[in-house]
Amino acid sequence: QALLVESGGGLVQPGESLRLSCATTGIFGSRAMGWFRQAPGKEREFVATINWNGGATQSADFVKGRFTISRDNVENSVYLQMNNLEPEDTAVYYCAASRYQYTSEPETAPNDYAYWGQGTQVTVSS
């Protein structure tokens, strides 16, 4: 059974950094992984994705080079390094695993993902 557990969220001030982690069991190595976020009153939105072997990544435009997604296929984990955080980044961040295996194209739609974690809260406030 697939299990995804996020960690690393918290309260930070604008301009600070956080590193989110997502530990997985049951699935990982053959699937693209993604990070999404959902702010209060808003729909869940794509943040970043990395393909199954880490050879390709894609990020949302609002990331503006501030966030970096990476994965460790030995530790079965995916990470999101977030730098220069802004109040607009406040949201619950979710990691997700693709419903497909060994795909090379970036997967940016929530419907591309079949497995989701419970989320970790990120709050950026002064």
Foldseek 3Di string as FASTA:
>chain_A
DKAKAKDWADEAAAQAKIKMKIFMPPDAQFWKKFKWWDDPPGDIFGAKIAGNHRPDMDGDPVLVPQWDWGDDPVRRMIMIIGGRDDQVPWTWMKMFTAPDGNDDDDDTDPVRTDGIHPTDTHGYHD
